[in-house]
């Protein structure tokens, strides 16, 4: 888990400290310090609050996994290129 490294980087990026993050997210300072020291979180709800605050996914915050939607977006134009025809047909009910 890379929560401690990523949280530290996000705090630096935003130019805030643990006390400020605690006040803004209502997560206890000690909990945030525990995360920064490498203790794994007990509350997914608190992790979600922090990820929402920094506008990153939980996957990124905890594991440095980039957003999967970004991968899809890279190929979206190619996937949706061209003209498609959709045909709808009623299928007869089979009786036994």
PDB file of N, CA and C in Angstrom:
ATOM      1  N   UNK A   1       0.852  -1.175   0.000  1.00  0.00           N
ATOM      2  CA  UNK A   1       0.000   0.000   0.000  1.00  0.00           C
ATOM      3  C   UNK A   1       0.897   1.236   0.000  1.00  0.00           C
ATOM      4  N   UNK A   2       0.532   2.220  -0.793  1.00  0.00           N
ATOM      5  CA  UNK A   2       1.343   3.426  -0.943  1.00  0.00           C
ATOM      6  C   UNK A   2       0.632   4.672  -0.432  1.00  0.00           C
ATOM      7  N   UNK A   3      -0.318   4.469   0.469  1.00  0.00           N
ATOM      8  CA  UNK A   3      -1.095   5.586   0.988  1.00  0.00           C
ATOM      9  C   UNK A   3      -0.208   6.648   1.614  1.00  0.00           C
ATOM     10  N   UNK A   4       0.767   6.238   2.414  1.00  0.00           N
ATOM     11  CA  UNK A   4       1.610   7.222   3.093  1.00  0.00           C
ATOM     12  C   UNK A   4       2.367   8.108   2.105  1.00  0.00           C
ATOM     13  N   UNK A   5       2.950   7.513   1.084  1.00  0.00           N
ATOM     14  CA  UNK A   5       3.708   8.272   0.086  1.00  0.00           C
ATOM     15  C   UNK A   5       2.791   9.196  -0.712  1.00  0.00           C
ATOM     16  N   UNK A   6       1.652   8.669  -1.152  1.00  0.00           N
ATOM     17  CA  UNK A   6       0.742   9.463  -1.975  1.00  0.00           C
ATOM     18  C   UNK A   6       0.083  10.584  -1.180  1.00  0.00           C
ATOM     19  N   UNK A   7      -0.281  10.308   0.064  1.00  0.00           N
ATOM     20  CA  UNK A   7      -0.889  11.344   0.898  1.00  0.00           C
ATOM     21  C   UNK A   7       0.098  12.476   1.141  1.00  0.00           C
ATOM     22  N   UNK A   8       1.342  12.129   1.410  1.00  0.00           N
ATOM     23  CA  UNK A   8       2.371  13.156   1.625  1.00  0.00           C
ATOM     24  C   UNK A   8       2.543  14.016   0.374  1.00  0.00           C
ATOM     25  N   UNK A   9       2.585  13.383  -0.792  1.00  0.00           N
ATOM     26  CA  UNK A   9       2.740  14.122  -2.048  1.00  0.00           C
ATOM     27  C   UNK A   9       1.537  15.030  -2.311  1.00  0.00           C
ATOM     28  N   UNK A  10       0.338  14.547  -2.020  1.00  0.00           N
ATOM     29  CA  UNK A  10      -0.864  15.354  -2.236  1.00  0.00           C
ATOM     30  C   UNK A  10      -0.917  16.538  -1.277  1.00  0.00           C
ATOM     31  N   UNK A  11      -0.492  16.331  -0.048  1.00  0.00           N
ATOM     32  CA  UNK A  11      -0.430  17.440   0.908  1.00  0.00           C
ATOM     33  C   UNK A  11       0.544  18.511   0.413  1.00  0.00           C
ATOM     34  N   UNK A  12       1.696  18.086  -0.081  1.00  0.00           N
ATOM     35  CA  UNK A  12       2.679  19.033  -0.613  1.00  0.00           C
ATOM     36  C   UNK A  12       2.144  19.746  -1.847  1.00  0.00           C
ATOM     37  N   UNK A  13       1.491  19.003  -2.725  1.00  0.00           N
ATOM     38  CA  UNK A  13       0.938  19.593  -3.950  1.00  0.00           C
ATOM     39  C   UNK A  13      -0.070  20.685  -3.629  1.00  0.00           C
ATOM     40  N   UNK A  14      -0.914  20.432  -2.629  1.00  0.00           N
ATOM     41  CA  UNK A  14      -1.948  21.397  -2.251  1.00  0.00           C
ATOM     42  C   UNK A  14      -1.420  22.485  -1.320  1.00  0.00           C
ATOM     43  N   UNK A  15      -0.228  22.279  -0.786  1.00  0.00           N
ATOM     44  CA  UNK A  15       0.357  23.264   0.115  1.00  0.00           C
ATOM     45  C   UNK A  15      -0.364  23.359   1.451  1.00  0.00           C
ATOM     46  N   UNK A  16      -0.834  22.215   1.936  1.00  0.00           N
ATOM     47  CA  UNK A  16      -1.519  22.197   3.233  1.00  0.00           C
ATOM     48  C   UNK A  16      -0.828  21.202   4.153  1.00  0.00           C
ATOM     49  N   UNK A  17      -1.118  21.314   5.441  1.00  0.00           N
ATOM     50  CA  UNK A  17      -0.547  20.373   6.400  1.00  0.00           C
ATOM     51  C   UNK A  17      -1.640  19.442   6.925  1.00  0.00           C
ATOM     52  N   UNK A  18      -1.238  18.524   7.779  1.00  0.00           N
ATOM     53  CA  UNK A  18      -2.160  17.512   8.296  1.00  0.00           C
ATOM     54  C   UNK A  18      -3.290  18.153   9.097  1.00  0.00           C
ATOM     55  N   UNK A  19      -2.969  19.168   9.881  1.00  0.00           N
ATOM     56  CA  UNK A  19      -4.003  19.837  10.684  1.00  0.00           C
ATOM     57  C   UNK A  19      -5.071  20.471   9.801  1.00  0.00           C
ATOM     58  N   UNK A  20      -4.639  21.100   8.719  1.00  0.00           N
ATOM     59  CA  UNK A  20      -5.600  21.721   7.799  1.00  0.00           C
ATOM     60  C   UNK A  20      -6.467  20.663   7.125  1.00  0.00           C
ATOM     61  N   UNK A  21      -5.848  19.566   6.701  1.00  0.00           N
ATOM     62  CA  UNK A  21      -6.618  18.485   6.076  1.00  0.00           C
ATOM     63  C   UNK A  21      -7.616  17.908   7.071  1.00  0.00           C
ATOM     64  N   UNK A  22      -7.199  17.772   8.306  1.00  0.00           N
ATOM     65  CA  UNK A  22      -8.081  17.250   9.345  1.00  0.00           C
ATOM     66  C   UNK A  22      -9.305  18.144   9.530  1.00  0.00           C
ATOM     67  N   UNK A  23      -9.088  19.436   9.586  1.00  0.00           N
ATOM     68  CA  UNK A  23     -10.204  20.375   9.759  1.00  0.00           C
ATOM     69  C   UNK A  23     -11.155  20.335   8.568  1.00  0.00           C
ATOM     70  N   UNK A  24     -10.598  20.218   7.372  1.00  0.00           N
ATOM     71  CA  UNK A  24     -11.418  20.250   6.157  1.00  0.00           C
ATOM     72  C   UNK A  24     -12.172  18.947   5.912  1.00  0.00           C
ATOM     73  N   UNK A  25     -11.624  17.848   6.388  1.00  0.00           N
ATOM     74  CA  UNK A  25     -12.255  16.544   6.135  1.00  0.00           C
ATOM     75  C   UNK A  25     -12.917  15.950   7.373  1.00  0.00           C
ATOM     76  N   UNK A  26     -12.668  16.558   8.535  1.00  0.00           N
ATOM     77  CA  UNK A  26     -13.209  16.067   9.808  1.00  0.00           C
ATOM     78  C   UNK A  26     -12.675  14.674  10.173  1.00  0.00           C
ATOM     79  N   UNK A  27     -11.483  14.366   9.663  1.00  0.00           N
ATOM     80  CA  UNK A  27     -10.795  13.125  10.021  1.00  0.00           C
ATOM     81  C   UNK A  27      -9.766  13.482  11.091  1.00  0.00           C
ATOM     82  N   UNK A  28      -9.721  12.736  12.194  1.00  0.00           N
ATOM     83  CA  UNK A  28      -8.798  13.081  13.272  1.00  0.00           C
ATOM     84  C   UNK A  28      -7.339  13.198  12.802  1.00  0.00           C
ATOM     85  N   UNK A  29      -6.636  14.161  13.375  1.00  0.00           N
ATOM     86  CA  UNK A  29      -5.226  14.380  13.045  1.00  0.00           C
ATOM     87  C   UNK A  29      -4.418  13.104  13.273  1.00  0.00           C
ATOM     88  N   UNK A  30      -4.683  12.423  14.370  1.00  0.00           N
ATOM     89  CA  UNK A  30      -3.928  11.205  14.687  1.00  0.00           C
ATOM     90  C   UNK A  30      -4.117  10.139  13.615  1.00  0.00           C
ATOM     91  N   UNK A  31      -5.323  10.026  13.083  1.00  0.00           N
ATOM     92  CA  UNK A  31      -5.583   9.055  12.008  1.00  0.00           C
ATOM     93  C   UNK A  31      -4.730   9.380  10.790  1.00  0.00           C
ATOM     94  N   UNK A  32      -4.698  10.647  10.412  1.00  0.00           N
ATOM     95  CA  UNK A  32      -3.904  11.060   9.250  1.00  0.00           C
ATOM     96  C   UNK A  32      -2.413  10.835   9.503  1.00  0.00           C
ATOM     97  N   UNK A  33      -1.939  11.149  10.708  1.00  0.00           N
ATOM     98  CA  UNK A  33      -0.532  10.891  11.043  1.00  0.00           C
ATOM     99  C   UNK A  33      -0.229   9.395  10.996  1.00  0.00           C
ATOM    100  N   UNK A  34      -1.162   8.583  11.454  1.00  0.00           N
ATOM    101  CA  UNK A  34      -0.973   7.127  11.370  1.00  0.00           C
ATOM    102  C   UNK A  34      -0.804   6.690   9.922  1.00  0.00           C
ATOM    103  N   UNK A  35      -1.656   7.199   9.045  1.00  0.00           N
ATOM    104  CA  UNK A  35      -1.550   6.848   7.628  1.00  0.00           C
ATOM    105  C   UNK A  35      -0.193   7.262   7.072  1.00  0.00           C
ATOM    106  N   UNK A  36       0.255   8.466   7.444  1.00  0.00           N
ATOM    107  CA  UNK A  36       1.542   8.961   6.952  1.00  0.00           C
ATOM    108  C   UNK A  36       2.713   8.133   7.477  1.00  0.00           C
ATOM    109  N   UNK A  37       2.530   7.501   8.624  1.00  0.00           N
ATOM    110  CA  UNK A  37       3.603   6.667   9.177  1.00  0.00           C
ATOM    111  C   UNK A  37       3.516   5.218   8.693  1.00  0.00           C
ATOM    112  N   UNK A  38       2.541   4.924   7.834  1.00  0.00           N
ATOM    113  CA  UNK A  38       2.459   3.598   7.225  1.00  0.00           C
ATOM    114  C   UNK A  38       1.402   2.679   7.790  1.00  0.00           C
ATOM    115  N   UNK A  39       0.622   3.160   8.756  1.00  0.00           N
ATOM    116  CA  UNK A  39      -0.461   2.337   9.304  1.00  0.00           C
ATOM    117  C   UNK A  39      -1.584   2.257   8.272  1.00  0.00           C
ATOM    118  N   UNK A  40      -2.058   1.055   8.011  1.00  0.00           N
ATOM    119  CA  UNK A  40      -3.136   0.896   7.032  1.00  0.00           C
ATOM    120  C   UNK A  40      -4.447   1.415   7.609  1.00  0.00           C
ATOM    121  N   UNK A  41      -5.252   2.048   6.782  1.00  0.00           N
ATOM    122  CA  UNK A  41      -6.517   2.620   7.271  1.00  0.00           C
ATOM    123  C   UNK A  41      -7.508   1.538   7.679  1.00  0.00           C
ATOM    124  N   UNK A  42      -8.319   1.867   8.667  1.00  0.00           N
ATOM    125  CA  UNK A  42      -9.373   0.952   9.110  1.00  0.00           C
ATOM    126  C   UNK A  42     -10.715   1.309   8.495  1.00  0.00           C
ATOM    127  N   UNK A  43     -10.844   2.551   8.056  1.00  0.00           N
ATOM    128  CA  UNK A  43     -12.132   3.028   7.559  1.00  0.00           C
ATOM    129  C   UNK A  43     -12.040   3.413   6.083  1.00  0.00           C
ATOM    130  N   UNK A  44     -12.735   2.649   5.254  1.00  0.00           N
ATOM    131  CA  UNK A  44     -12.783   2.980   3.838  1.00  0.00           C
ATOM    132  C   UNK A  44     -13.507   4.302   3.620  1.00  0.00           C
ATOM    133  N   UNK A  45     -14.460   4.600   4.485  1.00  0.00           N
ATOM    134  CA  UNK A  45     -15.192   5.865   4.384  1.00  0.00           C
ATOM    135  C   UNK A  45     -14.238   7.050   4.533  1.00  0.00           C
ATOM    136  N   UNK A  46     -13.306   6.965   5.469  1.00  0.00           N
ATOM    137  CA  UNK A  46     -12.343   8.048   5.649  1.00  0.00           C
ATOM    138  C   UNK A  46     -11.402   8.161   4.454  1.00  0.00           C
ATOM    139  N   UNK A  47     -11.003   7.035   3.901  1.00  0.00           N
ATOM    140  CA  UNK A  47     -10.145   7.054   2.714  1.00  0.00           C
ATOM    141  C   UNK A  47     -10.891   7.714   1.561  1.00  0.00           C
ATOM    142  N   UNK A  48     -12.174   7.415   1.415  1.00  0.00           N
ATOM    143  CA  UNK A  48     -13.000   8.013   0.366  1.00  0.00           C
ATOM    144  C   UNK A  48     -13.087   9.530   0.551  1.00  0.00           C
ATOM    145  N   UNK A  49     -13.248   9.980   1.775  1.00  0.00           N
ATOM    146  CA  UNK A  49     -13.330  11.414   2.050  1.00  0.00           C
ATOM    147  C   UNK A  49     -12.042  12.110   1.610  1.00  0.00           C
ATOM    148  N   UNK A  50     -10.896  11.517   1.926  1.00  0.00           N
ATOM    149  CA  UNK A  50      -9.612  12.109   1.544  1.00  0.00           C
ATOM    150  C   UNK A  50      -9.424  12.066   0.031  1.00  0.00           C
ATOM    151  N   UNK A  51      -9.778  10.962  -0.596  1.00  0.00           N
ATOM    152  CA  UNK A  51      -9.630  10.879  -2.054  1.00  0.00           C
ATOM    153  C   UNK A  51     -10.536  11.888  -2.744  1.00  0.00           C
ATOM    154  N   UNK A  52     -11.742  12.067  -2.232  1.00  0.00           N
ATOM    155  CA  UNK A  52     -12.641  13.076  -2.797  1.00  0.00           C
ATOM    156  C   UNK A  52     -12.087  14.480  -2.595  1.00  0.00           C
ATOM    157  N   UNK A  53     -11.514  14.740  -1.428  1.00  0.00           N
ATOM    158  CA  UNK A  53     -10.951  16.057  -1.149  1.00  0.00           C
ATOM    159  C   UNK A  53      -9.866  16.405  -2.167  1.00  0.00           C
ATOM    160  N   UNK A  54      -8.991  15.448  -2.457  1.00  0.00           N
ATOM    161  CA  UNK A  54      -7.897  15.688  -3.394  1.00  0.00           C
ATOM    162  C   UNK A  54      -8.293  15.415  -4.847  1.00  0.00           C
ATOM    163  N   UNK A  55      -9.536  14.986  -5.060  1.00  0.00           N
ATOM    164  CA  UNK A  55     -10.037  14.694  -6.399  1.00  0.00           C
ATOM    165  C   UNK A  55      -9.201  13.618  -7.101  1.00  0.00           C
ATOM    166  N   UNK A  56      -8.916  12.552  -6.362  1.00  0.00           N
ATOM    167  CA  UNK A  56      -8.224  11.392  -6.923  1.00  0.00           C
ATOM    168  C   UNK A  56      -9.026  10.146  -6.555  1.00  0.00           C
ATOM    169  N   UNK A  57      -8.767   9.064  -7.246  1.00  0.00           N
ATOM    170  CA  UNK A  57      -9.477   7.820  -6.933  1.00  0.00           C
ATOM    171  C   UNK A  57      -8.857   7.157  -5.702  1.00  0.00           C
ATOM    172  N   UNK A  58      -9.627   6.285  -5.074  1.00  0.00           N
ATOM    173  CA  UNK A  58      -9.092   5.502  -3.960  1.00  0.00           C
ATOM    174  C   UNK A  58      -7.947   4.624  -4.460  1.00  0.00           C
ATOM    175  N   UNK A  59      -8.086   4.083  -5.667  1.00  0.00           N
ATOM    176  CA  UNK A  59      -7.019   3.261  -6.244  1.00  0.00           C
ATOM    177  C   UNK A  59      -5.717   4.041  -6.343  1.00  0.00           C
ATOM    178  N   UNK A  60      -5.823   5.294  -6.770  1.00  0.00           N
ATOM    179  CA  UNK A  60      -4.609   6.104  -6.870  1.00  0.00           C
ATOM    180  C   UNK A  60      -4.061   6.426  -5.486  1.00  0.00           C
ATOM    181  N   UNK A  61      -4.927   6.870  -4.588  1.00  0.00           N
ATOM    182  CA  UNK A  61      -4.487   7.271  -3.253  1.00  0.00           C
ATOM    183  C   UNK A  61      -3.784   6.127  -2.525  1.00  0.00           C
ATOM    184  N   UNK A  62      -4.335   4.942  -2.600  1.00  0.00           N
ATOM    185  CA  UNK A  62      -3.791   3.813  -1.837  1.00  0.00           C
ATOM    186  C   UNK A  62      -2.741   2.994  -2.585  1.00  0.00           C
ATOM    187  N   UNK A  63      -2.860   2.911  -3.911  1.00  0.00           N
ATOM    188  CA  UNK A  63      -2.021   1.972  -4.655  1.00  0.00           C
ATOM    189  C   UNK A  63      -1.291   2.579  -5.852  1.00  0.00           C
ATOM    190  N   UNK A  64      -1.432   3.878  -6.087  1.00  0.00           N
ATOM    191  CA  UNK A  64      -0.821   4.566  -7.235  1.00  0.00           C
ATOM    192  C   UNK A  64      -1.315   4.024  -8.570  1.00  0.00           C
ATOM    193  N   UNK A  65      -2.524   3.477  -8.589  1.00  0.00           N
ATOM    194  CA  UNK A  65      -3.112   2.976  -9.831  1.00  0.00           C
ATOM    195  C   UNK A  65      -3.880   4.119 -10.468  1.00  0.00           C
ATOM    196  N   UNK A  66      -3.483   4.452 -11.687  1.00  0.00           N
ATOM    197  CA  UNK A  66      -4.149   5.539 -12.396  1.00  0.00           C
ATOM    198  C   UNK A  66      -5.591   5.167 -12.688  1.00  0.00           C
ATOM    199  N   UNK A  67      -6.390   6.167 -12.922  1.00  0.00           N
ATOM    200  CA  UNK A  67      -7.809   5.980 -13.209  1.00  0.00           C
ATOM    201  C   UNK A  67      -7.981   5.117 -14.447  1.00  0.00           C
ATOM    202  N   UNK A  68      -8.762   4.059 -14.334  1.00  0.00           N
ATOM    203  CA  UNK A  68      -8.994   3.152 -15.459  1.00  0.00           C
ATOM    204  C   UNK A  68      -9.745   3.846 -16.587  1.00  0.00           C
ATOM    205  N   UNK A  69     -10.543   4.847 -16.270  1.00  0.00           N
ATOM    206  CA  UNK A  69     -11.286   5.564 -17.300  1.00  0.00           C
ATOM    207  C   UNK A  69     -10.362   6.333 -18.228  1.00  0.00           C
ATOM    208  N   UNK A  70      -9.186   6.735 -17.734  1.00  0.00           N
ATOM    209  CA  UNK A  70      -8.231   7.426 -18.587  1.00  0.00           C
ATOM    210  C   UNK A  70      -7.746   6.503 -19.691  1.00  0.00           C
ATOM    211  N   UNK A  71      -7.561   5.230 -19.388  1.00  0.00           N
ATOM    212  CA  UNK A  71      -7.146   4.265 -20.397  1.00  0.00           C
ATOM    213  C   UNK A  71      -8.218   4.142 -21.464  1.00  0.00           C
ATOM    214  N   UNK A  72      -9.469   4.044 -21.052  1.00  0.00           N
ATOM    215  CA  UNK A  72     -10.572   3.968 -22.005  1.00  0.00           C
ATOM    216  C   UNK A  72     -10.632   5.230 -22.845  1.00  0.00           C
ATOM    217  N   UNK A  73     -10.468   6.391 -22.230  1.00  0.00           N
ATOM    218  CA  UNK A  73     -10.561   7.667 -22.941  1.00  0.00           C
ATOM    219  C   UNK A  73      -9.522   7.764 -24.046  1.00  0.00           C
ATOM    220  N   UNK A  74      -8.364   7.164 -23.844  1.00  0.00           N
ATOM    221  CA  UNK A  74      -7.312   7.217 -24.848  1.00  0.00           C
ATOM    222  C   UNK A  74      -7.743   6.526 -26.142  1.00  0.00           C
ATOM    223  N   UNK A  75      -8.599   5.520 -26.045  1.00  0.00           N
ATOM    224  CA  UNK A  75      -9.038   4.774 -27.221  1.00  0.00           C
ATOM    225  C   UNK A  75     -10.475   5.079 -27.627  1.00  0.00           C
ATOM    226  N   UNK A  76     -11.125   5.980 -26.929  1.00  0.00           N
ATOM    227  CA  UNK A  76     -12.543   6.238 -27.150  1.00  0.00           C
ATOM    228  C   UNK A  76     -12.841   6.678 -28.580  1.00  0.00           C
ATOM    229  N   UNK A  77     -12.045   7.580 -29.124  1.00  0.00           N
ATOM    230  CA  UNK A  77     -12.293   8.048 -30.492  1.00  0.00           C
ATOM    231  C   UNK A  77     -12.151   6.917 -31.502  1.00  0.00           C
ATOM    232  N   UNK A  78     -11.169   6.064 -31.307  1.00  0.00           N
ATOM    233  CA  UNK A  78     -10.977   4.942 -32.222  1.00  0.00           C
ATOM    234  C   UNK A  78     -12.113   3.929 -32.104  1.00  0.00           C
ATOM    235  N   UNK A  79     -12.554   3.675 -30.894  1.00  0.00           N
ATOM    236  CA  UNK A  79     -13.641   2.724 -30.674  1.00  0.00           C
ATOM    237  C   UNK A  79     -14.932   3.224 -31.300  1.00  0.00           C
ATOM    238  N   UNK A  80     -15.188   4.506 -31.171  1.00  0.00           N
ATOM    239  CA  UNK A  80     -16.447   5.077 -31.645  1.00  0.00           C
ATOM    240  C   UNK A  80     -16.376   5.637 -33.059  1.00  0.00           C
ATOM    241  N   UNK A  81     -15.273   5.438 -33.753  1.00  0.00           N
ATOM    242  CA  UNK A  81     -15.129   5.962 -35.109  1.00  0.00           C
ATOM    243  C   UNK A  81     -15.982   5.145 -36.074  1.00  0.00           C
ATOM    244  N   UNK A  82     -16.539   5.812 -37.057  1.00  0.00           N
ATOM    245  CA  UNK A  82     -17.292   5.123 -38.085  1.00  0.00           C
ATOM    246  C   UNK A  82     -18.786   5.167 -37.851  1.00  0.00           C
ATOM    247  N   UNK A  83     -19.498   4.540 -38.761  1.00  0.00           N
ATOM    248  CA  UNK A  83     -20.952   4.503 -38.714  1.00  0.00           C
ATOM    249  C   UNK A  83     -21.369   3.087 -38.349  1.00  0.00           C
ATOM    250  N   UNK A  84     -22.341   2.999 -37.472  1.00  0.00           N
ATOM    251  CA  UNK A  84     -22.809   1.701 -37.020  1.00  0.00           C
ATOM    252  C   UNK A  84     -24.274   1.526 -37.383  1.00  0.00           C
ATOM    253  N   UNK A  85     -24.659   0.300 -37.626  1.00  0.00           N
ATOM    254  CA  UNK A  85     -26.054  -0.020 -37.878  1.00  0.00           C
ATOM    255  C   UNK A  85     -26.500  -1.006 -36.806  1.00  0.00           C
ATOM    256  N   UNK A  86     -27.594  -0.673 -36.182  1.00  0.00           N
ATOM    257  CA  UNK A  86     -28.141  -1.540 -35.148  1.00  0.00           C
ATOM    258  C   UNK A  86     -29.472  -2.075 -35.648  1.00  0.00           C
ATOM    259  N   UNK A  87     -29.633  -3.378 -35.605  1.00  0.00           N
ATOM    260  CA  UNK A  87     -30.850  -4.012 -36.087  1.00  0.00           C
ATOM    261  C   UNK A  87     -31.539  -4.694 -34.910  1.00  0.00           C
ATOM    262  N   UNK A  88     -32.822  -4.405 -34.758  1.00  0.00           N
ATOM    263  CA  UNK A  88     -33.616  -5.046 -33.712  1.00  0.00           C
ATOM    264  C   UNK A  88     -34.630  -5.960 -34.376  1.00  0.00           C
ATOM    265  N   UNK A  89     -34.669  -7.205 -33.933  1.00  0.00           N
ATOM    266  CA  UNK A  89     -35.635  -8.150 -34.467  1.00  0.00           C
ATOM    267  C   UNK A  89     -36.336  -8.834 -33.317  1.00  0.00           C
ATOM    268  N   UNK A  90     -37.626  -9.043 -33.480  1.00  0.00           N
ATOM    269  CA  UNK A  90     -38.384  -9.778 -32.476  1.00  0.00           C
ATOM    270  C   UNK A  90     -38.081 -11.261 -32.653  1.00  0.00           C
ATOM    271  N   UNK A  91     -37.820 -11.915 -31.566  1.00  0.00           N
ATOM    272  CA  UNK A  91     -37.539 -13.343 -31.593  1.00  0.00           C
ATOM    273  C   UNK A  91     -38.819 -14.066 -31.210  1.00  0.00           C
ATOM    274  N   UNK A  92     -39.168 -15.074 -32.013  1.00  0.00           N
ATOM    275  CA  UNK A  92     -40.384 -15.829 -31.741  1.00  0.00           C
ATOM    276  C   UNK A  92     -40.257 -16.558 -30.420  1.00  0.00           C
ATOM    277  N   UNK A  93     -41.341 -16.551 -29.675  1.00  0.00           N
ATOM    278  CA  UNK A  93     -41.371 -17.316 -28.429  1.00  0.00           C
ATOM    279  C   UNK A  93     -41.458 -18.789 -28.766  1.00  0.00           C
ATOM    280  N   UNK A  94     -40.593 -19.546 -28.177  1.00  0.00           N
ATOM    281  CA  UNK A  94     -40.636 -20.988 -28.397  1.00  0.00           C
ATOM    282  C   UNK A  94     -41.494 -21.613 -27.314  1.00  0.00           C
ATOM    283  N   UNK A  95     -42.481 -22.387 -27.739  1.00  0.00           N
ATOM    284  CA  UNK A  95     -43.331 -23.079 -26.767  1.00  0.00           C
ATOM    285  C   UNK A  95     -42.928 -24.538 -26.728  1.00  0.00           C
ATOM    286  N   UNK A  96     -43.013 -25.098 -25.575  1.00  0.00           N
ATOM    287  CA  UNK A  96     -42.600 -26.500 -25.425  1.00  0.00           C
ATOM    288  C   UNK A  96     -43.766 -27.422 -25.492  1.00  0.00           C
TER     289      UNK A  96
END
